[in-house]
Amino acid sequence: NAMCEIYPDSDVLLSYVEQDHIRKYRDLD
């Protein structure tokens, strides 16, 4: 969905920076 920029069931669109923050957060202890 991110690759195609299609978010069928979401009103929330995340920028790449926001996605990157989430990925980093998930890697934290």
mmCIF file of all heavy atoms, coordinates in Angstrom:
data_MODEL
# 
_entry.id   MODEL 
# 
loop_
_atom_site.group_PDB 
_atom_site.id 
_atom_site.type_symbol 
_atom_site.label_atom_id 
_atom_site.label_alt_id 
_atom_site.label_comp_id 
_atom_site.label_asym_id 
_atom_site.label_entity_id 
_atom_site.label_seq_id 
_atom_site.pdbx_PDB_ins_code 
_atom_site.Cartn_x 
_atom_site.Cartn_y 
_atom_site.Cartn_z 
_atom_site.occupancy 
_atom_site.B_iso_or_equiv 
_atom_site.pdbx_formal_charge 
_atom_site.auth_seq_id 
_atom_site.auth_comp_id 
_atom_site.auth_asym_id 
_atom_site.auth_atom_id 
_atom_site.pdbx_PDB_model_num 
ATOM 1   N N   . ASN A 1 1  ? 0.829   -1.211 0.000  1.00 0.00 ? 1  ASN A N   1 
ATOM 2   C CA  . ASN A 1 1  ? 0.000   0.000  0.000  1.00 0.00 ? 1  ASN A CA  1 
ATOM 3   C C   . ASN A 1 1  ? 0.861   1.258  0.000  1.00 0.00 ? 1  ASN A C   1 
ATOM 4   O O   . ASN A 1 1  ? 0.543   2.226  -0.686 1.00 0.00 ? 1  ASN A O   1 
ATOM 5   C CB  . ASN A 1 1  ? -0.947  0.016  1.198  1.00 0.00 ? 1  ASN A CB  1 
ATOM 6   C CG  . ASN A 1 1  ? -2.093  -0.943 1.032  1.00 0.00 ? 1  ASN A CG  1 
ATOM 7   O OD1 . ASN A 1 1  ? -2.247  -1.570 -0.013 1.00 0.00 ? 1  ASN A OD1 1 
ATOM 8   N ND2 . ASN A 1 1  ? -2.895  -1.076 2.063  1.00 0.00 ? 1  ASN A ND2 1 
ATOM 9   N N   . ALA A 1 2  ? 1.943   1.247  0.779  1.00 0.00 ? 2  ALA A N   1 
ATOM 10  C CA  . ALA A 1 2  ? 2.839   2.410  0.796  1.00 0.00 ? 2  ALA A CA  1 
ATOM 11  C C   . ALA A 1 2  ? 3.499   2.582  -0.570 1.00 0.00 ? 2  ALA A C   1 
ATOM 12  O O   . ALA A 1 2  ? 3.612   3.702  -1.073 1.00 0.00 ? 2  ALA A O   1 
ATOM 13  C CB  . ALA A 1 2  ? 3.896   2.253  1.873  1.00 0.00 ? 2  ALA A CB  1 
ATOM 14  N N   . MET A 1 3  ? 3.902   1.476  -1.180 1.00 0.00 ? 3  MET A N   1 
ATOM 15  C CA  . MET A 1 3  ? 4.551   1.547  -2.494 1.00 0.00 ? 3  MET A CA  1 
ATOM 16  C C   . MET A 1 3  ? 3.601   2.141  -3.529 1.00 0.00 ? 3  MET A C   1 
ATOM 17  O O   . MET A 1 3  ? 4.002   2.951  -4.367 1.00 0.00 ? 3  MET A O   1 
ATOM 18  C CB  . MET A 1 3  ? 5.026   0.160  -2.939 1.00 0.00 ? 3  MET A CB  1 
ATOM 19  C CG  . MET A 1 3  ? 5.679   0.134  -4.305 1.00 0.00 ? 3  MET A CG  1 
ATOM 20  S SD  . MET A 1 3  ? 7.177   1.134  -4.451 1.00 0.00 ? 3  MET A SD  1 
ATOM 21  C CE  . MET A 1 3  ? 8.368   0.046  -3.662 1.00 0.00 ? 3  MET A CE  1 
ATOM 22  N N   . CYS A 1 4  ? 2.341   1.750  -3.475 1.00 0.00 ? 4  CYS A N   1 
ATOM 23  C CA  . CYS A 1 4  ? 1.353   2.211  -4.461 1.00 0.00 ? 4  CYS A CA  1 
ATOM 24  C C   . CYS A 1 4  ? 0.623   3.478  -4.015 1.00 0.00 ? 4  CYS A C   1 
ATOM 25  O O   . CYS A 1 4  ? -0.162  4.040  -4.776 1.00 0.00 ? 4  CYS A O   1 
ATOM 26  C CB  . CYS A 1 4  ? 0.330   1.109  -4.727 1.00 0.00 ? 4  CYS A CB  1 
ATOM 27  S SG  . CYS A 1 4  ? 1.036   -0.395 -5.388 1.00 0.00 ? 4  CYS A SG  1 
ATOM 28  N N   . GLU A 1 5  ? 0.884   3.888  -2.774 1.00 0.00 ? 5  GLU A N   1 
ATOM 29  C CA  . GLU A 1 5  ? 0.207   5.043  -2.173 1.00 0.00 ? 5  GLU A CA  1 
ATOM 30  C C   . GLU A 1 5  ? -1.312  4.882  -2.206 1.00 0.00 ? 5  GLU A C   1 
ATOM 31  O O   . GLU A 1 5  ? -2.059  5.785  -2.535 1.00 0.00 ? 5  GLU A O   1 
ATOM 32  C CB  . GLU A 1 5  ? 0.637   6.358  -2.821 1.00 0.00 ? 5  GLU A CB  1 
ATOM 33  C CG  . GLU A 1 5  ? 2.093   6.676  -2.577 1.00 0.00 ? 5  GLU A CG  1 
ATOM 34  C CD  . GLU A 1 5  ? 2.557   7.984  -3.201 1.00 0.00 ? 5  GLU A CD  1 
ATOM 35  O OE1 . GLU A 1 5  ? 1.729   8.729  -3.765 1.00 0.00 ? 5  GLU A OE1 1 
ATOM 36  O OE2 . GLU A 1 5  ? 3.764   8.267  -3.118 1.00 0.00 ? 5  GLU A OE2 1 
ATOM 37  N N   . ILE A 1 6  ? -1.732  3.669  -1.843 1.00 0.00 ? 6  ILE A N   1 
ATOM 38  C CA  . ILE A 1 6  ? -3.156  3.352  -1.769 1.00 0.00 ? 6  ILE A CA  1 
ATOM 39  C C   . ILE A 1 6  ? -3.444  2.896  -0.343 1.00 0.00 ? 6  ILE A C   1 
ATOM 40  O O   . ILE A 1 6  ? -2.863  1.928  0.136  1.00 0.00 ? 6  ILE A O   1 
ATOM 41  C CB  . ILE A 1 6  ? -3.541  2.236  -2.767 1.00 0.00 ? 6  ILE A CB  1 
ATOM 42  C CG1 . ILE A 1 6  ? -3.277  2.707  -4.189 1.00 0.00 ? 6  ILE A CG1 1 
ATOM 43  C CG2 . ILE A 1 6  ? -4.989  1.836  -2.572 1.00 0.00 ? 6  ILE A CG2 1 
ATOM 44  C CD1 . ILE A 1 6  ? -3.450  1.633  -5.230 1.00 0.00 ? 6  ILE A CD1 1 
ATOM 45  N N   . TYR A 1 7  ? -4.316  3.617  0.308  1.00 0.00 ? 7  TYR A N   1 
ATOM 46  C CA  . TYR A 1 7  ? -4.669  3.314  1.683  1.00 0.00 ? 7  TYR A CA  1 
ATOM 47  C C   . TYR A 1 7  ? -6.186  3.170  1.754  1.00 0.00 ? 7  TYR A C   1 
ATOM 48  O O   . TYR A 1 7  ? -6.900  4.092  2.141  1.00 0.00 ? 7  TYR A O   1 
ATOM 49  C CB  . TYR A 1 7  ? -4.179  4.428  2.620  1.00 0.00 ? 7  TYR A CB  1 
ATOM 50  C CG  . TYR A 1 7  ? -2.694  4.650  2.489  1.00 0.00 ? 7  TYR A CG  1 
ATOM 51  C CD1 . TYR A 1 7  ? -2.190  5.605  1.613  1.00 0.00 ? 7  TYR A CD1 1 
ATOM 52  C CD2 . TYR A 1 7  ? -1.796  3.877  3.214  1.00 0.00 ? 7  TYR A CD2 1 
ATOM 53  C CE1 . TYR A 1 7  ? -0.828  5.797  1.480  1.00 0.00 ? 7  TYR A CE1 1 
ATOM 54  C CE2 . TYR A 1 7  ? -0.430  4.060  3.081  1.00 0.00 ? 7  TYR A CE2 1 
ATOM 55  C CZ  . TYR A 1 7  ? 0.044   5.027  2.217  1.00 0.00 ? 7  TYR A CZ  1 
ATOM 56  O OH  . TYR A 1 7  ? 1.401   5.212  2.087  1.00 0.00 ? 7  TYR A OH  1 
ATOM 57  N N   . PRO A 1 8  ? -6.717  2.011  1.381  1.00 0.00 ? 8  PRO A N   1 
ATOM 58  C CA  . PRO A 1 8  ? -8.163  1.853  1.212  1.00 0.00 ? 8  PRO A CA  1 
ATOM 59  C C   . PRO A 1 8  ? -8.993  2.015  2.474  1.00 0.00 ? 8  PRO A C   1 
ATOM 60  O O   . PRO A 1 8  ? -10.080 2.553  2.421  1.00 0.00 ? 8  PRO A O   1 
ATOM 61  C CB  . PRO A 1 8  ? -8.303  0.444  0.645  1.00 0.00 ? 8  PRO A CB  1 
ATOM 62  C CG  . PRO A 1 8  ? -7.061  -0.267 1.050  1.00 0.00 ? 8  PRO A CG  1 
ATOM 63  C CD  . PRO A 1 8  ? -5.988  0.781  1.122  1.00 0.00 ? 8  PRO A CD  1 
ATOM 64  N N   . ASP A 1 9  ? -8.497  1.557  3.608  1.00 0.00 ? 9  ASP A N   1 
ATOM 65  C CA  . ASP A 1 9  ? -9.321  1.559  4.813  1.00 0.00 ? 9  ASP A CA  1 
ATOM 66  C C   . ASP A 1 9  ? -8.802  2.511  5.875  1.00 0.00 ? 9  ASP A C   1 
ATOM 67  O O   . ASP A 1 9  ? -9.043  2.316  7.058  1.00 0.00 ? 9  ASP A O   1 
ATOM 68  C CB  . ASP A 1 9  ? -9.389  0.143  5.408  1.00 0.00 ? 9  ASP A CB  1 
ATOM 69  C CG  . ASP A 1 9  ? -10.056 -0.826 4.458  1.00 0.00 ? 9  ASP A CG  1 
ATOM 70  O OD1 . ASP A 1 9  ? -10.949 -0.389 3.721  1.00 0.00 ? 9  ASP A OD1 1 
ATOM 71  O OD2 . ASP A 1 9  ? -9.669  -2.005 4.454  1.00 0.00 ? 9  ASP A OD2 1 
ATOM 72  N N   . SER A 1 10 ? -8.082  3.535  5.471  1.00 0.00 ? 10 SER A N   1 
ATOM 73  C CA  . SER A 1 10 ? -7.472  4.399  6.463  1.00 0.00 ? 10 SER A CA  1 
ATOM 74  C C   . SER A 1 10 ? -7.695  5.861  6.150  1.00 0.00 ? 10 SER A C   1 
ATOM 75  O O   . SER A 1 10 ? -7.550  6.296  5.023  1.00 0.00 ? 10 SER A O   1 
ATOM 76  C CB  . SER A 1 10 ? -5.967  4.113  6.523  1.00 0.00 ? 10 SER A CB  1 
ATOM 77  O OG  . SER A 1 10 ? -5.347  4.981  7.436  1.00 0.00 ? 10 SER A OG  1 
ATOM 78  N N   . ASP A 1 11 ? -8.044  6.585  7.193  1.00 0.00 ? 11 ASP A N   1 
ATOM 79  C CA  . ASP A 1 11 ? -8.129  8.033  7.077  1.00 0.00 ? 11 ASP A CA  1 
ATOM 80  C C   . ASP A 1 11 ? -6.796  8.666  7.454  1.00 0.00 ? 11 ASP A C   1 
ATOM 81  O O   . ASP A 1 11 ? -6.610  9.856  7.322  1.00 0.00 ? 11 ASP A O   1 
ATOM 82  C CB  . ASP A 1 11 ? -9.215  8.579  8.010  1.00 0.00 ? 11 ASP A CB  1 
ATOM 83  C CG  . ASP A 1 11 ? -10.613 8.176  7.541  1.00 0.00 ? 11 ASP A CG  1 
ATOM 84  O OD1 . ASP A 1 11 ? -10.779 7.913  6.334  1.00 0.00 ? 11 ASP A OD1 1 
ATOM 85  O OD2 . ASP A 1 11 ? -11.518 8.125  8.385  1.00 0.00 ? 11 ASP A OD2 1 
ATOM 86  N N   . VAL A 1 12 ? -5.882  7.851  7.978  1.00 0.00 ? 12 VAL A N   1 
ATOM 87  C CA  . VAL A 1 12 ? -4.593  8.346  8.429  1.00 0.00 ? 12 VAL A CA  1 
ATOM 88  C C   . VAL A 1 12 ? -3.526  7.946  7.411  1.00 0.00 ? 12 VAL A C   1 
ATOM 89  O O   . VAL A 1 12 ? -3.327  6.765  7.143  1.00 0.00 ? 12 VAL A O   1 
ATOM 90  C CB  . VAL A 1 12 ? -4.221  7.749  9.808  1.00 0.00 ? 12 VAL A CB  1 
ATOM 91  C CG1 . VAL A 1 12 ? -2.854  8.218  10.254 1.00 0.00 ? 12 VAL A CG1 1 
ATOM 92  C CG2 . VAL A 1 12 ? -5.280  8.099  10.835 1.00 0.00 ? 12 VAL A CG2 1 
ATOM 93  N N   . LEU A 1 13 ? -2.874  8.941  6.851  1.00 0.00 ? 13 LEU A N   1 
ATOM 94  C CA  . LEU A 1 13 ? -1.768  8.687  5.929  1.00 0.00 ? 13 LEU A CA  1 
ATOM 95  C C   . LEU A 1 13 ? -0.476  9.069  6.631  1.00 0.00 ? 13 LEU A C   1 
ATOM 96  O O   . LEU A 1 13 ? -0.365  10.159 7.183  1.00 0.00 ? 13 LEU A O   1 
ATOM 97  C CB  . LEU A 1 13 ? -1.932  9.510  4.649  1.00 0.00 ? 13 LEU A CB  1 
ATOM 98  C CG  . LEU A 1 13 ? -3.197  9.243  3.844  1.00 0.00 ? 13 LEU A CG  1 
ATOM 99  C CD1 . LEU A 1 13 ? -3.231  10.150 2.618  1.00 0.00 ? 13 LEU A CD1 1 
ATOM 100 C CD2 . LEU A 1 13 ? -3.260  7.794  3.415  1.00 0.00 ? 13 LEU A CD2 1 
ATOM 101 N N   . LEU A 1 14 ? 0.487   8.161  6.635  1.00 0.00 ? 14 LEU A N   1 
ATOM 102 C CA  . LEU A 1 14 ? 1.759   8.423  7.287  1.00 0.00 ? 14 LEU A CA  1 
ATOM 103 C C   . LEU A 1 14 ? 2.806   8.800  6.249  1.00 0.00 ? 14 LEU A C   1 
ATOM 104 O O   . LEU A 1 14 ? 2.953   8.124  5.239  1.00 0.00 ? 14 LEU A O   1 
ATOM 105 C CB  . LEU A 1 14 ? 2.231   7.186  8.045  1.00 0.00 ? 14 LEU A CB  1 
ATOM 106 C CG  . LEU A 1 14 ? 1.336   6.684  9.178  1.00 0.00 ? 14 LEU A CG  1 
ATOM 107 C CD1 . LEU A 1 14 ? 1.897   5.398  9.753  1.00 0.00 ? 14 LEU A CD1 1 
ATOM 108 C CD2 . LEU A 1 14 ? 1.190   7.742  10.257 1.00 0.00 ? 14 LEU A CD2 1 
ATOM 109 N N   . SER A 1 15 ? 3.545   9.846  6.551  1.00 0.00 ? 15 SER A N   1 
ATOM 110 C CA  . SER A 1 15 ? 4.669   10.213 5.687  1.00 0.00 ? 15 SER A CA  1 
ATOM 111 C C   . SER A 1 15 ? 5.779   9.191  5.906  1.00 0.00 ? 15 SER A C   1 
ATOM 112 O O   . SER A 1 15 ? 5.752   8.417  6.872  1.00 0.00 ? 15 SER A O   1 
ATOM 113 C CB  . SER A 1 15 ? 5.176   11.608 6.044  1.00 0.00 ? 15 SER A CB  1 
ATOM 114 O OG  . SER A 1 15 ? 5.807   11.587 7.323  1.00 0.00 ? 15 SER A OG  1 
ATOM 115 N N   . TYR A 1 16 ? 6.794   9.210  5.034  1.00 0.00 ? 16 TYR A N   1 
ATOM 116 C CA  . TYR A 1 16 ? 7.901   8.288  5.220  1.00 0.00 ? 16 TYR A CA  1 
ATOM 117 C C   . TYR A 1 16 ? 8.594   8.562  6.552  1.00 0.00 ? 16 TYR A C   1 
ATOM 118 O O   . TYR A 1 16 ? 8.964   7.627  7.255  1.00 0.00 ? 16 TYR A O   1 
ATOM 119 C CB  . TYR A 1 16 ? 8.923   8.370  4.081  1.00 0.00 ? 16 TYR A CB  1 
ATOM 120 C CG  . TYR A 1 16 ? 10.062  7.413  4.336  1.00 0.00 ? 16 TYR A CG  1 
ATOM 121 C CD1 . TYR A 1 16 ? 9.902   6.060  4.105  1.00 0.00 ? 16 TYR A CD1 1 
ATOM 122 C CD2 . TYR A 1 16 ? 11.248  7.855  4.905  1.00 0.00 ? 16 TYR A CD2 1 
ATOM 123 C CE1 . TYR A 1 16 ? 10.912  5.164  4.401  1.00 0.00 ? 16 TYR A CE1 1 
ATOM 124 C CE2 . TYR A 1 16 ? 12.262  6.971  5.199  1.00 0.00 ? 16 TYR A CE2 1 
ATOM 125 C CZ  . TYR A 1 16 ? 12.089  5.622  4.947  1.00 0.00 ? 16 TYR A CZ  1 
ATOM 126 O OH  . TYR A 1 16 ? 13.081  4.738  5.264  1.00 0.00 ? 16 TYR A OH  1 
ATOM 127 N N   . VAL A 1 17 ? 8.752   9.813  6.919  1.00 0.00 ? 17 VAL A N   1 
ATOM 128 C CA  . VAL A 1 17 ? 9.408   10.157 8.183  1.00 0.00 ? 17 VAL A CA  1 
ATOM 129 C C   . VAL A 1 17 ? 8.624   9.560  9.353  1.00 0.00 ? 17 VAL A C   1 
ATOM 130 O O   . VAL A 1 17 ? 9.210   8.983  10.275 1.00 0.00 ? 17 VAL A O   1 
ATOM 131 C CB  . VAL A 1 17 ? 9.553   11.689 8.326  1.00 0.00 ? 17 VAL A CB  1 
ATOM 132 C CG1 . VAL A 1 17 ? 10.024  12.073 9.714  1.00 0.00 ? 17 VAL A CG1 1 
ATOM 133 C CG2 . VAL A 1 17 ? 10.499  12.235 7.267  1.00 0.00 ? 17 VAL A CG2 1 
ATOM 134 N N   . GLU A 1 18 ? 7.292   9.664  9.307  1.00 0.00 ? 18 GLU A N   1 
ATOM 135 C CA  . GLU A 1 18 ? 6.467   9.086  10.371 1.00 0.00 ? 18 GLU A CA  1 
ATOM 136 C C   . GLU A 1 18 ? 6.604   7.565  10.398 1.00 0.00 ? 18 GLU A C   1 
ATOM 137 O O   . GLU A 1 18 ? 6.719   6.961  11.471 1.00 0.00 ? 18 GLU A O   1 
ATOM 138 C CB  . GLU A 1 18 ? 5.009   9.493  10.181 1.00 0.00 ? 18 GLU A CB  1 
ATOM 139 C CG  . GLU A 1 18 ? 4.767   10.973 10.430 1.00 0.00 ? 18 GLU A CG  1 
ATOM 140 C CD  . GLU A 1 18 ? 3.416   11.464 9.923  1.00 0.00 ? 18 GLU A CD  1 
ATOM 141 O OE1 . GLU A 1 18 ? 2.907   10.916 8.915  1.00 0.00 ? 18 GLU A OE1 1 
ATOM 142 O OE2 . GLU A 1 18 ? 2.875   12.388 10.534 1.00 0.00 ? 18 GLU A OE2 1 
ATOM 143 N N   . GLN A 1 19 ? 6.627   6.942  9.236  1.00 0.00 ? 19 GLN A N   1 
ATOM 144 C CA  . GLN A 1 19 ? 6.815   5.489  9.174  1.00 0.00 ? 19 GLN A CA  1 
ATOM 145 C C   . GLN A 1 19 ? 8.179   5.108  9.738  1.00 0.00 ? 19 GLN A C   1 
ATOM 146 O O   . GLN A 1 19 ? 8.310   4.119  10.462 1.00 0.00 ? 19 GLN A O   1 
ATOM 147 C CB  . GLN A 1 19 ? 6.700   4.998  7.732  1.00 0.00 ? 19 GLN A CB  1 
ATOM 148 C CG  . GLN A 1 19 ? 5.317   5.123  7.151  1.00 0.00 ? 19 GLN A CG  1 
ATOM 149 C CD  . GLN A 1 19 ? 5.296   4.768  5.676  1.00 0.00 ? 19 GLN A CD  1 
ATOM 150 O OE1 . GLN A 1 19 ? 5.966   3.840  5.253  1.00 0.00 ? 19 GLN A OE1 1 
ATOM 151 N NE2 . GLN A 1 19 ? 4.523   5.516  4.893  1.00 0.00 ? 19 GLN A NE2 1 
ATOM 152 N N   . ASP A 1 20 ? 9.189   5.921  9.419  1.00 0.00 ? 20 ASP A N   1 
ATOM 153 C CA  . ASP A 1 20 ? 10.538  5.661  9.910  1.00 0.00 ? 20 ASP A CA  1 
ATOM 154 C C   . ASP A 1 20 ? 10.585  5.785  11.432 1.00 0.00 ? 20 ASP A C   1 
ATOM 155 O O   . ASP A 1 20 ? 11.223  4.973  12.102 1.00 0.00 ? 20 ASP A O   1 
ATOM 156 C CB  . ASP A 1 20 ? 11.522  6.633  9.253  1.00 0.00 ? 20 ASP A CB  1 
ATOM 157 C CG  . ASP A 1 20 ? 12.959  6.270  9.531  1.00 0.00 ? 20 ASP A CG  1 
ATOM 158 O OD1 . ASP A 1 20 ? 13.314  5.075  9.399  1.00 0.00 ? 20 ASP A OD1 1 
ATOM 159 O OD2 . ASP A 1 20 ? 13.743  7.184  9.873  1.00 0.00 ? 20 ASP A OD2 1 
ATOM 160 N N   . HIS A 1 21 ? 9.890   6.774  11.986 1.00 0.00 ? 21 HIS A N   1 
ATOM 161 C CA  . HIS A 1 21 ? 9.822   6.916  13.444 1.00 0.00 ? 21 HIS A CA  1 
ATOM 162 C C   . HIS A 1 21 ? 9.204   5.674  14.067 1.00 0.00 ? 21 HIS A C   1 
ATOM 163 O O   . HIS A 1 21 ? 9.684   5.181  15.094 1.00 0.00 ? 21 HIS A O   1 
ATOM 164 C CB  . HIS A 1 21 ? 9.007   8.145  13.844 1.00 0.00 ? 21 HIS A CB  1 
ATOM 165 C CG  . HIS A 1 21 ? 9.684   9.448  13.617 1.00 0.00 ? 21 HIS A CG  1 
ATOM 166 N ND1 . HIS A 1 21 ? 11.005  9.691  13.909 1.00 0.00 ? 21 HIS A ND1 1 
ATOM 167 C CD2 . HIS A 1 21 ? 9.212   10.612 13.111 1.00 0.00 ? 21 HIS A CD2 1 
ATOM 168 C CE1 . HIS A 1 21 ? 11.321  10.929 13.610 1.00 0.00 ? 21 HIS A CE1 1 
ATOM 169 N NE2 . HIS A 1 21 ? 10.251  11.512 13.103 1.00 0.00 ? 21 HIS A NE2 1 
ATOM 170 N N   . ILE A 1 22 ? 8.150   5.170  13.485 1.00 0.00 ? 22 ILE A N   1 
ATOM 171 C CA  . ILE A 1 22 ? 7.483   3.981  14.013 1.00 0.00 ? 22 ILE A CA  1 
ATOM 172 C C   . ILE A 1 22 ? 8.418   2.776  13.958 1.00 0.00 ? 22 ILE A C   1 
ATOM 173 O O   . ILE A 1 22 ? 8.519   2.006  14.922 1.00 0.00 ? 22 ILE A O   1 
ATOM 174 C CB  . ILE A 1 22 ? 6.161   3.708  13.262 1.00 0.00 ? 22 ILE A CB  1 
ATOM 175 C CG1 . ILE A 1 22 ? 5.142   4.803  13.600 1.00 0.00 ? 22 ILE A CG1 1 
ATOM 176 C CG2 . ILE A 1 22 ? 5.607   2.319  13.597 1.00 0.00 ? 22 ILE A CG2 1 
ATOM 177 C CD1 . ILE A 1 22 ? 3.907   4.822  12.719 1.00 0.00 ? 22 ILE A CD1 1 
ATOM 178 N N   . ARG A 1 23 ? 9.124   2.602  12.843 1.00 0.00 ? 23 ARG A N   1 
ATOM 179 C CA  . ARG A 1 23 ? 10.077  1.486  12.742 1.00 0.00 ? 23 ARG A CA  1 
ATOM 180 C C   . ARG A 1 23 ? 11.151  1.584  13.818 1.00 0.00 ? 23 ARG A C   1 
ATOM 181 O O   . ARG A 1 23 ? 11.497  0.594  14.458 1.00 0.00 ? 23 ARG A O   1 
ATOM 182 C CB  . ARG A 1 23 ? 10.739  1.468  11.364 1.00 0.00 ? 23 ARG A CB  1 
ATOM 183 C CG  . ARG A 1 23 ? 9.887   0.882  10.293 1.00 0.00 ? 23 ARG A CG  1 
ATOM 184 C CD  . ARG A 1 23 ? 10.688  0.672  8.995  1.00 0.00 ? 23 ARG A CD  1 
ATOM 185 N NE  . ARG A 1 23 ? 9.776   0.636  7.899  1.00 0.00 ? 23 ARG A NE  1 
ATOM 186 C CZ  . ARG A 1 23 ? 9.482   1.658  7.093  1.00 0.00 ? 23 ARG A CZ  1 
ATOM 187 N NH1 . ARG A 1 23 ? 10.092  2.801  7.223  1.00 0.00 ? 23 ARG A NH1 1 
ATOM 188 N NH2 . ARG A 1 23 ? 8.602   1.533  6.136  1.00 0.00 ? 23 ARG A NH2 1 
ATOM 189 N N   . LYS A 1 24 ? 11.686  2.778  14.006 1.00 0.00 ? 24 LYS A N   1 
ATOM 190 C CA  . LYS A 1 24 ? 12.728  2.966  15.031 1.00 0.00 ? 24 LYS A CA  1 
ATOM 191 C C   . LYS A 1 24 ? 12.160  2.708  16.421 1.00 0.00 ? 24 LYS A C   1 
ATOM 192 O O   . LYS A 1 24 ? 12.815  2.069  17.253 1.00 0.00 ? 24 LYS A O   1 
ATOM 193 C CB  . LYS A 1 24 ? 13.303  4.382  14.944 1.00 0.00 ? 24 LYS A CB  1 
ATOM 194 C CG  . LYS A 1 24 ? 14.190  4.577  13.739 1.00 0.00 ? 24 LYS A CG  1 
ATOM 195 C CD  . LYS A 1 24 ? 14.653  6.022  13.631 1.00 0.00 ? 24 LYS A CD  1 
ATOM 196 C CE  . LYS A 1 24 ? 15.490  6.222  12.388 1.00 0.00 ? 24 LYS A CE  1 
ATOM 197 N NZ  . LYS A 1 24 ? 15.811  7.652  12.177 1.00 0.00 ? 24 LYS A NZ  1 
ATOM 198 N N   . TYR A 1 25 ? 10.954  3.205  16.684 1.00 0.00 ? 25 TYR A N   1 
ATOM 199 C CA  . TYR A 1 25 ? 10.319  2.995  17.983 1.00 0.00 ? 25 TYR A CA  1 
ATOM 200 C C   . TYR A 1 25 ? 10.186  1.502  18.276 1.00 0.00 ? 25 TYR A C   1 
ATOM 201 O O   . TYR A 1 25 ? 10.463  1.045  19.384 1.00 0.00 ? 25 TYR A O   1 
ATOM 202 C CB  . TYR A 1 25 ? 8.949   3.684  18.005 1.00 0.00 ? 25 TYR A CB  1 
ATOM 203 C CG  . TYR A 1 25 ? 8.197   3.504  19.304 1.00 0.00 ? 25 TYR A CG  1 
ATOM 204 C CD1 . TYR A 1 25 ? 8.426   4.349  20.378 1.00 0.00 ? 25 TYR A CD1 1 
ATOM 205 C CD2 . TYR A 1 25 ? 7.251   2.486  19.447 1.00 0.00 ? 25 TYR A CD2 1 
ATOM 206 C CE1 . TYR A 1 25 ? 7.741   4.193  21.568 1.00 0.00 ? 25 TYR A CE1 1 
ATOM 207 C CE2 . TYR A 1 25 ? 6.565   2.327  20.630 1.00 0.00 ? 25 TYR A CE2 1 
ATOM 208 C CZ  . TYR A 1 25 ? 6.807   3.174  21.684 1.00 0.00 ? 25 TYR A CZ  1 
ATOM 209 O OH  . TYR A 1 25 ? 6.132   2.996  22.861 1.00 0.00 ? 25 TYR A OH  1 
ATOM 210 N N   . ARG A 1 26 ? 9.778   0.737  17.281 1.00 0.00 ? 26 ARG A N   1 
ATOM 211 C CA  . ARG A 1 26 ? 9.591   -0.704 17.465 1.00 0.00 ? 26 ARG A CA  1 
ATOM 212 C C   . ARG A 1 26 ? 10.901  -1.422 17.776 1.00 0.00 ? 26 ARG A C   1 
ATOM 213 O O   . ARG A 1 26 ? 10.899  -2.488 18.377 1.00 0.00 ? 26 ARG A O   1 
ATOM 214 C CB  . ARG A 1 26 ? 8.948   -1.309 16.219 1.00 0.00 ? 26 ARG A CB  1 
ATOM 215 C CG  . ARG A 1 26 ? 7.494   -0.925 16.093 1.00 0.00 ? 26 ARG A CG  1 
ATOM 216 C CD  . ARG A 1 26 ? 6.881   -1.463 14.827 1.00 0.00 ? 26 ARG A CD  1 
ATOM 217 N NE  . ARG A 1 26 ? 5.472   -1.108 14.738 1.00 0.00 ? 26 ARG A NE  1 
ATOM 218 C CZ  . ARG A 1 26 ? 4.744   -1.231 13.653 1.00 0.00 ? 26 ARG A CZ  1 
ATOM 219 N NH1 . ARG A 1 26 ? 5.280   -1.712 12.538 1.00 0.00 ? 26 ARG A NH1 1 
ATOM 220 N NH2 . ARG A 1 26 ? 3.482   -0.881 13.656 1.00 0.00 ? 26 ARG A NH2 1 
ATOM 221 N N   . ASP A 1 27 ? 12.032  -0.830 17.373 1.00 0.00 ? 27 ASP A N   1 
ATOM 222 C CA  . ASP A 1 27 ? 13.339  -1.435 17.645 1.00 0.00 ? 27 ASP A CA  1 
ATOM 223 C C   . ASP A 1 27 ? 13.887  -1.085 19.023 1.00 0.00 ? 27 ASP A C   1 
ATOM 224 O O   . ASP A 1 27 ? 14.892  -1.657 19.458 1.00 0.00 ? 27 ASP A O   1 
ATOM 225 C CB  . ASP A 1 27 ? 14.365  -0.998 16.587 1.00 0.00 ? 27 ASP A CB  1 
ATOM 226 C CG  . ASP A 1 27 ? 14.125  -1.651 15.231 1.00 0.00 ? 27 ASP A CG  1 
ATOM 227 O OD1 . ASP A 1 27 ? 13.437  -2.696 15.187 1.00 0.00 ? 27 ASP A OD1 1 
ATOM 228 O OD2 . ASP A 1 27 ? 14.620  -1.117 14.229 1.00 0.00 ? 27 ASP A OD2 1 
ATOM 229 N N   . LEU A 1 28 ? 13.260  -0.143 19.720 1.00 0.00 ? 28 LEU A N   1 
ATOM 230 C CA  . LEU A 1 28 ? 13.739  0.277  21.034 1.00 0.00 ? 28 LEU A CA  1 
ATOM 231 C C   . LEU A 1 28 ? 13.487  -0.787 22.087 1.00 0.00 ? 28 LEU A C   1 
ATOM 232 O O   . LEU A 1 28 ? 12.544  -1.562 21.995 1.00 0.00 ? 28 LEU A O   1 
ATOM 233 C CB  . LEU A 1 28 ? 13.037  1.572  21.462 1.00 0.00 ? 28 LEU A CB  1 
ATOM 234 C CG  . LEU A 1 28 ? 13.324  2.814  20.634 1.00 0.00 ? 28 LEU A CG  1 
ATOM 235 C CD1 . LEU A 1 28 ? 12.431  3.969  21.105 1.00 0.00 ? 28 LEU A CD1 1 
ATOM 236 C CD2 . LEU A 1 28 ? 14.786  3.206  20.702 1.00 0.00 ? 28 LEU A CD2 1 
ATOM 237 N N   . ASP A 1 29 ? 14.345  -0.775 23.115 1.00 0.00 ? 29 ASP A N   1 
ATOM 238 C CA  . ASP A 1 29 ? 14.092  -1.637 24.267 1.00 0.00 ? 29 ASP A CA  1 
ATOM 239 C C   . ASP A 1 29 ? 13.022  -0.966 25.137 1.00 0.00 ? 29 ASP A C   1 
ATOM 240 O O   . ASP A 1 29 ? 12.619  0.172  24.866 1.00 0.00 ? 29 ASP A O   1 
ATOM 241 C CB  . ASP A 1 29 ? 15.382  -1.914 25.037 1.00 0.00 ? 29 ASP A CB  1 
ATOM 242 C CG  . ASP A 1 29 ? 16.019  -0.666 25.653 1.00 0.00 ? 29 ASP A CG  1 
ATOM 243 O OD1 . ASP A 1 29 ? 15.374  0.413  25.694 1.00 0.00 ? 29 ASP A OD1 1 
ATOM 244 O OD2 . ASP A 1 29 ? 17.176  -0.765 26.093 1.00 0.00 ? 29 ASP A OD2 1 
# 
